[in-house]
Structure formats: C-alpha cells, structure tokens
Amino acid sequence: MLGAALALSAALGFGASAVFARVGMQYVRPTTGTFISLLVGVAITFTLAVVFHFDDILTLGGIAFAWFLLSGTLNFPLGRLLNFTSVGKLGVARAAPVVGASPLFAAILGVTVGGETMNLFIFGGTVAIIAGIALIVGQR
C-alpha cells in the first residue's frame, strides 16, 4: 500500500510540475526554465544524498557511476528541456500524457538492453500506451 501511495504522490508531483512549468514559461524560455529547475533540483538532491547516503556514494563502483551519469544526462537536462518545450508548445493536457509514455521506452530498452523478457501483460500495456499516445496526438 505504501508503494502505491508513493507512486501516486510522484504522479501528483510530476503533474503539478508540468502545470507550474507551463505557467513559468509564460515569462521565460524553456532553456531558462530548465536551467533554474536543474539548479534547484541538484541542490536539493545533492543535500539529501550526502545527508542520508554519504557512505553509499563513497563505495559506488565505476560502472555504476557511469550508468548513473548516462541516466542523469538523458533524464535531467535533456529530458527536462524537451519536456518543458513540449509543455510550452502543446500545453499540459496534451504533453504530460505523451511524456508519461516512458513505460513504452522502458519496456523496449528493458528487453533489448536490460535482458528482461516480454510477457503478455507488458506487451498489452505497451500496446495500450501506443494507442493512448495516438489518441492524444491525433486530437485537434
């Protein structure tokens, strides 16, 4: 039950973030908004990581560090810039569900790169995500 509550809280946070980004981009460009968002996010995340997991950071292996570096590069600056740009151009109601299609890419990469197996439920969910994106993007 705690996991579901945390997931719903994350969804609320991501949804609110998109709305706040849309409002903020009425005053600045997406690149400026991304920069400000990244500064605040890095400061908070760095502080929490050092306070709660300093020993884990010191024992982090080189390959793990490299994977987290790649993930951070794709997710934070690039992903956030593209997300803010899409919210500015499409609006929150259309951009947020498309950004929410990340499970589609996670499933594809999980099978091709992560060695996971595709089952009926993952395939069905992937098809549902594609259909939802088609409905949202095709809407005028």
C-alpha atoms as a PDB file:
ATOM      1  CA  MET A   1       0.000   0.000   0.000  1.00  0.00           C
ATOM      2  CA  LEU A   2       2.872   2.367   0.795  1.00  0.00           C
ATOM      3  CA  GLY A   3       4.358   1.792  -2.675  1.00  0.00           C
ATOM      4  CA  ALA A   4       1.089   2.749  -4.372  1.00  0.00           C
ATOM      5  CA  ALA A   5       0.760   5.867  -2.216  1.00  0.00           C
ATOM      6  CA  LEU A   6       4.315   6.904  -3.073  1.00  0.00           C
ATOM      7  CA  ALA A   7       3.685   6.281  -6.789  1.00  0.00           C
ATOM      8  CA  LEU A   8       0.517   8.398  -6.686  1.00  0.00           C
ATOM      9  CA  SER A   9       2.421  11.124  -4.840  1.00  0.00           C
ATOM     10  CA  ALA A  10       5.087  11.044  -7.557  1.00  0.00           C
ATOM     11  CA  ALA A  11       2.381  11.282 -10.227  1.00  0.00           C
ATOM     12  CA  LEU A  12       0.883  14.286  -8.423  1.00  0.00           C
ATOM     13  CA  GLY A  13       4.312  15.902  -8.249  1.00  0.00           C
ATOM     14  CA  PHE A  14       5.032  15.328 -11.951  1.00  0.00           C
ATOM     15  CA  GLY A  15       1.588  16.620 -12.932  1.00  0.00           C
ATOM     16  CA  ALA A  16       1.946  19.734 -10.786  1.00  0.00           C
ATOM     17  CA  SER A  17       5.438  20.278 -12.168  1.00  0.00           C
ATOM     18  CA  ALA A  18       4.102  20.356 -15.721  1.00  0.00           C
ATOM     19  CA  VAL A  19       1.466  22.915 -14.781  1.00  0.00           C
ATOM     20  CA  PHE A  20       3.998  25.086 -12.926  1.00  0.00           C
ATOM     21  CA  ALA A  21       6.394  24.833 -15.887  1.00  0.00           C
ATOM     22  CA  ARG A  22       3.646  25.945 -18.266  1.00  0.00           C
ATOM     23  CA  VAL A  23       2.861  28.960 -16.099  1.00  0.00           C
ATOM     24  CA  GLY A  24       6.548  29.808 -15.649  1.00  0.00           C
ATOM     25  CA  MET A  25       7.281  29.594 -19.372  1.00  0.00           C
ATOM     26  CA  GLN A  26       4.933  32.474 -19.972  1.00  0.00           C
ATOM     27  CA  TYR A  27       7.823  34.564 -18.618  1.00  0.00           C
ATOM     28  CA  VAL A  28      10.983  32.703 -19.723  1.00  0.00           C
ATOM     29  CA  ARG A  29      12.186  30.370 -22.468  1.00  0.00           C
ATOM     30  CA  PRO A  30      12.303  26.590 -21.903  1.00  0.00           C
ATOM     31  CA  THR A  31      16.114  26.674 -21.677  1.00  0.00           C
ATOM     32  CA  THR A  32      15.990  29.228 -18.850  1.00  0.00           C
ATOM     33  CA  GLY A  33      13.270  27.267 -17.072  1.00  0.00           C
ATOM     34  CA  THR A  34      15.294  24.075 -17.417  1.00  0.00           C
ATOM     35  CA  PHE A  35      18.395  25.764 -16.006  1.00  0.00           C
ATOM     36  CA  ILE A  36      16.537  27.124 -12.967  1.00  0.00           C
ATOM     37  CA  SER A  37      14.798  23.788 -12.401  1.00  0.00           C
ATOM     38  CA  LEU A  38      18.086  21.897 -12.627  1.00  0.00           C
ATOM     39  CA  LEU A  39      19.853  24.233 -10.172  1.00  0.00           C
ATOM     40  CA  VAL A  40      17.139  23.779  -7.570  1.00  0.00           C
ATOM     41  CA  GLY A  41      16.900  20.028  -8.192  1.00  0.00           C
ATOM     42  CA  VAL A  42      20.654  19.451  -7.994  1.00  0.00           C
ATOM     43  CA  ALA A  43      20.953  21.441  -4.758  1.00  0.00           C
ATOM     44  CA  ILE A  44      18.130  19.524  -3.062  1.00  0.00           C
ATOM     45  CA  THR A  45      19.179  16.105  -4.376  1.00  0.00           C
ATOM     46  CA  PHE A  46      22.852  16.622  -3.527  1.00  0.00           C
ATOM     47  CA  THR A  47      21.994  17.696   0.007  1.00  0.00           C
ATOM     48  CA  LEU A  48      19.674  14.728   0.607  1.00  0.00           C
ATOM     49  CA  ALA A  49      22.147  12.266  -0.913  1.00  0.00           C
ATOM     50  CA  VAL A  50      25.034  13.493   1.220  1.00  0.00           C
ATOM     51  CA  VAL A  51      22.972  13.616   4.415  1.00  0.00           C
ATOM     52  CA  PHE A  52      21.330  10.192   4.046  1.00  0.00           C
ATOM     53  CA  HIS A  53      23.671   8.133   1.814  1.00  0.00           C
ATOM     54  CA  PHE A  54      27.208   9.511   2.094  1.00  0.00           C
ATOM     55  CA  ASP A  55      28.748   6.064   2.697  1.00  0.00           C
ATOM     56  CA  ASP A  56      26.951   4.597  -0.332  1.00  0.00           C
ATOM     57  CA  ILE A  57      28.274   7.390  -2.531  1.00  0.00           C
ATOM     58  CA  LEU A  58      31.847   6.657  -1.449  1.00  0.00           C
ATOM     59  CA  THR A  59      31.515   2.946  -2.306  1.00  0.00           C
ATOM     60  CA  LEU A  60      29.857   3.495  -5.690  1.00  0.00           C
ATOM     61  CA  GLY A  61      31.679   1.457  -8.330  1.00  0.00           C
ATOM     62  CA  GLY A  62      32.951   2.952 -11.577  1.00  0.00           C
ATOM     63  CA  ILE A  63      30.494   1.125 -13.862  1.00  0.00           C
ATOM     64  CA  ALA A  64      27.530   2.066 -11.649  1.00  0.00           C
ATOM     65  CA  PHE A  65      28.719   5.673 -11.676  1.00  0.00           C
ATOM     66  CA  ALA A  66      28.939   5.588 -15.491  1.00  0.00           C
ATOM     67  CA  TRP A  67      25.380   4.248 -15.843  1.00  0.00           C
ATOM     68  CA  PHE A  68      24.027   6.851 -13.412  1.00  0.00           C
ATOM     69  CA  LEU A  69      25.950   9.547 -15.289  1.00  0.00           C
ATOM     70  CA  LEU A  70      24.329   8.460 -18.572  1.00  0.00           C
ATOM     71  CA  SER A  71      20.899   8.294 -16.930  1.00  0.00           C
ATOM     72  CA  GLY A  72      21.336  11.735 -15.386  1.00  0.00           C
ATOM     73  CA  THR A  73      22.454  13.239 -18.676  1.00  0.00           C
ATOM     74  CA  LEU A  74      19.461  11.878 -20.578  1.00  0.00           C
ATOM     75  CA  ASN A  75      16.873  12.392 -17.859  1.00  0.00           C
ATOM     76  CA  PHE A  76      17.603  15.715 -16.252  1.00  0.00           C
ATOM     77  CA  PRO A  77      18.950  18.304 -18.685  1.00  0.00           C
ATOM     78  CA  LEU A  78      17.829  16.783 -21.987  1.00  0.00           C
ATOM     79  CA  GLY A  79      14.578  15.226 -20.790  1.00  0.00           C
ATOM     80  CA  ARG A  80      13.548  18.268 -18.817  1.00  0.00           C
ATOM     81  CA  LEU A  81      14.340  20.674 -21.664  1.00  0.00           C
ATOM     82  CA  LEU A  82      12.297  18.596 -24.109  1.00  0.00           C
ATOM     83  CA  ASN A  83       9.505  18.236 -21.552  1.00  0.00           C
ATOM     84  CA  PHE A  84       9.344  21.986 -20.871  1.00  0.00           C
ATOM     85  CA  THR A  85       9.453  22.743 -24.602  1.00  0.00           C
ATOM     86  CA  SER A  86       6.629  20.304 -25.320  1.00  0.00           C
ATOM     87  CA  VAL A  87       4.521  21.707 -22.478  1.00  0.00           C
ATOM     88  CA  GLY A  88       5.073  25.201 -23.868  1.00  0.00           C
ATOM     89  CA  LYS A  89       4.061  24.185 -27.387  1.00  0.00           C
ATOM     90  CA  LEU A  90       1.297  21.621 -26.733  1.00  0.00           C
ATOM     91  CA  GLY A  91       0.002  22.584 -23.309  1.00  0.00           C
ATOM     92  CA  VAL A  92      -0.022  20.432 -20.192  1.00  0.00           C
ATOM     93  CA  ALA A  93      -3.084  18.345 -21.064  1.00  0.00           C
ATOM     94  CA  ARG A  94      -1.528  17.034 -24.283  1.00  0.00           C
ATOM     95  CA  ALA A  95       2.174  16.984 -23.421  1.00  0.00           C
ATOM     96  CA  ALA A  96       2.039  15.323 -19.991  1.00  0.00           C
ATOM     97  CA  PRO A  97       0.359  12.094 -21.152  1.00  0.00           C
ATOM     98  CA  VAL A  98       2.830  11.754 -24.021  1.00  0.00           C
ATOM     99  CA  VAL A  99       5.733  12.280 -21.609  1.00  0.00           C
ATOM    100  CA  GLY A 100       4.004   9.681 -19.460  1.00  0.00           C
ATOM    101  CA  ALA A 101       4.693   7.180 -22.232  1.00  0.00           C
ATOM    102  CA  SER A 102       8.071   6.498 -20.648  1.00  0.00           C
ATOM    103  CA  PRO A 103       6.975   2.926 -19.754  1.00  0.00           C
ATOM    104  CA  LEU A 104       6.859   2.226 -23.512  1.00  0.00           C
ATOM    105  CA  PHE A 105      10.520   3.113 -23.888  1.00  0.00           C
ATOM    106  CA  ALA A 106      11.392   1.454 -20.592  1.00  0.00           C
ATOM    107  CA  ALA A 107       9.825  -1.804 -21.824  1.00  0.00           C
ATOM    108  CA  ILE A 108      11.663  -1.652 -25.149  1.00  0.00           C
ATOM    109  CA  LEU A 109      15.008  -0.839 -23.536  1.00  0.00           C
ATOM    110  CA  GLY A 110      14.399  -3.337 -20.728  1.00  0.00           C
ATOM    111  CA  VAL A 111      14.019  -6.140 -23.264  1.00  0.00           C
ATOM    112  CA  THR A 112      16.772  -5.046 -25.668  1.00  0.00           C
ATOM    113  CA  VAL A 113      19.387  -3.706 -23.243  1.00  0.00           C
ATOM    114  CA  GLY A 114      18.377  -4.964 -19.797  1.00  0.00           C
ATOM    115  CA  GLY A 115      17.819  -8.601 -20.707  1.00  0.00           C
ATOM    116  CA  GLU A 116      14.229  -8.639 -19.464  1.00  0.00           C
ATOM    117  CA  THR A 117      11.579 -10.823 -21.064  1.00  0.00           C
ATOM    118  CA  MET A 118       8.419  -9.645 -22.781  1.00  0.00           C
ATOM    119  CA  ASN A 119       5.230 -11.232 -21.457  1.00  0.00           C
ATOM    120  CA  LEU A 120       1.582 -10.802 -22.350  1.00  0.00           C
ATOM    121  CA  PHE A 121       0.969  -8.118 -19.706  1.00  0.00           C
ATOM    122  CA  ILE A 122       3.953  -5.995 -20.732  1.00  0.00           C
ATOM    123  CA  PHE A 123       3.027  -6.360 -24.405  1.00  0.00           C
ATOM    124  CA  GLY A 124      -0.604  -5.445 -23.700  1.00  0.00           C
ATOM    125  CA  GLY A 125       0.424  -2.422 -21.653  1.00  0.00           C
ATOM    126  CA  THR A 126       2.804  -1.315 -24.391  1.00  0.00           C
ATOM    127  CA  VAL A 127       0.049  -1.539 -26.996  1.00  0.00           C
ATOM    128  CA  ALA A 128      -2.296   0.442 -24.725  1.00  0.00           C
ATOM    129  CA  ILE A 129       0.338   3.171 -24.311  1.00  0.00           C
ATOM    130  CA  ILE A 130       0.807   3.425 -28.085  1.00  0.00           C
ATOM    131  CA  ALA A 131      -2.966   3.634 -28.597  1.00  0.00           C
ATOM    132  CA  GLY A 132      -3.270   6.348 -25.933  1.00  0.00           C
ATOM    133  CA  ILE A 133      -0.479   8.404 -27.497  1.00  0.00           C
ATOM    134  CA  ALA A 134      -2.106   8.067 -30.909  1.00  0.00           C
ATOM    135  CA  LEU A 135      -5.426   9.301 -29.496  1.00  0.00           C
ATOM    136  CA  ILE A 136      -3.852  12.277 -27.722  1.00  0.00           C
ATOM    137  CA  VAL A 137      -1.542  13.362 -30.551  1.00  0.00           C
ATOM    138  CA  GLY A 138      -4.228  12.830 -33.192  1.00  0.00           C
ATOM    139  CA  GLN A 139      -6.667  15.041 -31.296  1.00  0.00           C
ATOM    140  CA  ARG A 140      -7.048  18.517 -32.803  1.00  0.00           C
END
